[in-house]
Amino acid sequence: MARLASAPVAIPFDPAKASSHQRVEYLHALWHADIDPFVFVGVAHRLGYSLRCYWDVRADMPVLTPLVLH
């Protein structure tokens, strides 16, 4: 399950065999667990989603945005 940013994040199921609904539920659980946003983006990439995370200096917080692949 979710770990600190310095430790690996374990995915409790095989992403290749998981349905899209299971993947989204897992990402929701991680988001609500309040893990590091950069770790969240790494897990999302492993699950097949394209996100990026950057630090918004004005808001003093991380921002997640979807990547649009052409």
Protein backbone atom coordinates (compact mmCIF):
# COMPACT_ATOMS: atom_id res chain seq x y z
CA MET A 1 0.00 0.00 0.00
CA ALA A 2 1.11 3.64 0.14
CA ARG A 3 4.49 4.45 1.64
CA LEU A 4 6.53 7.59 2.20
CA ALA A 5 8.16 9.20 -0.83
CA SER A 6 11.51 7.66 0.13
CA ALA A 7 10.08 4.13 0.11
CA PRO A 8 8.62 2.25 -2.86
CA VAL A 9 4.87 2.19 -3.34
CA ALA A 10 3.45 -1.31 -3.58
CA ILE A 11 0.63 -1.97 -6.01
CA PRO A 12 -1.47 -4.76 -4.46
CA PHE A 13 -2.61 -6.13 -7.82
CA ASP A 14 -1.28 -6.71 -11.31
CA PRO A 15 -2.08 -3.52 -13.28
CA ALA A 16 -2.17 -5.50 -16.53
CA LYS A 17 -5.02 -7.63 -15.18
CA ALA A 18 -6.90 -4.86 -13.33
CA SER A 19 -9.97 -3.26 -14.83
CA SER A 20 -10.01 0.48 -15.40
CA HIS A 21 -12.51 0.75 -12.53
CA GLN A 22 -10.05 -1.00 -10.15
CA ARG A 23 -7.23 1.29 -11.27
CA VAL A 24 -9.29 4.42 -10.67
CA GLU A 25 -10.44 3.16 -7.26
CA TYR A 26 -6.84 2.47 -6.28
CA LEU A 27 -5.76 5.97 -7.35
CA HIS A 28 -8.66 7.47 -5.36
CA ALA A 29 -7.56 5.51 -2.28
CA LEU A 30 -3.97 6.74 -2.70
CA TRP A 31 -5.10 10.33 -3.19
CA HIS A 32 -7.22 10.22 -0.05
CA ALA A 33 -4.30 8.62 1.84
CA ASP A 34 -2.50 11.93 1.23
CA ILE A 35 0.68 10.50 -0.28
CA ASP A 36 3.34 12.65 -1.92
CA PRO A 37 1.93 13.98 -5.23
CA PHE A 38 5.10 13.03 -7.11
CA VAL A 39 4.77 9.43 -5.86
CA PHE A 40 1.10 9.51 -6.89
CA VAL A 41 2.09 10.53 -10.43
CA GLY A 42 4.61 7.67 -10.56
CA VAL A 43 1.93 5.16 -9.55
CA ALA A 44 -0.51 6.66 -12.06
CA HIS A 45 2.11 6.20 -14.80
CA ARG A 46 2.56 2.55 -13.80
CA LEU A 47 -1.21 2.12 -14.06
CA GLY A 48 -1.27 3.58 -17.57
CA TYR A 49 -2.36 7.17 -16.90
CA SER A 50 -0.50 10.24 -18.10
CA LEU A 51 -0.15 12.95 -15.45
CA ARG A 52 2.47 15.45 -14.55
CA CYS A 53 3.08 17.21 -11.28
CA TYR A 54 4.69 20.58 -10.77
CA TRP A 55 5.04 23.02 -7.91
CA ASP A 56 2.86 26.14 -8.14
CA VAL A 57 4.95 28.84 -6.44
CA ARG A 58 2.05 31.29 -6.09
CA ALA A 59 -0.27 28.74 -4.47
CA ASP A 60 2.63 27.07 -2.60
CA MET A 61 1.32 23.61 -3.45
CA PRO A 62 1.73 20.86 -6.04
CA VAL A 63 -0.53 20.81 -9.09
CA LEU A 64 -1.49 17.71 -11.05
CA THR A 65 -2.35 18.05 -14.73
CA PRO A 66 -3.22 15.42 -17.34
CA LEU A 67 -0.82 15.03 -20.25
CA VAL A 68 -2.51 15.17 -23.62
CA LEU A 69 -0.79 12.82 -26.03
CA HIS A 70 -1.26 13.58 -29.71
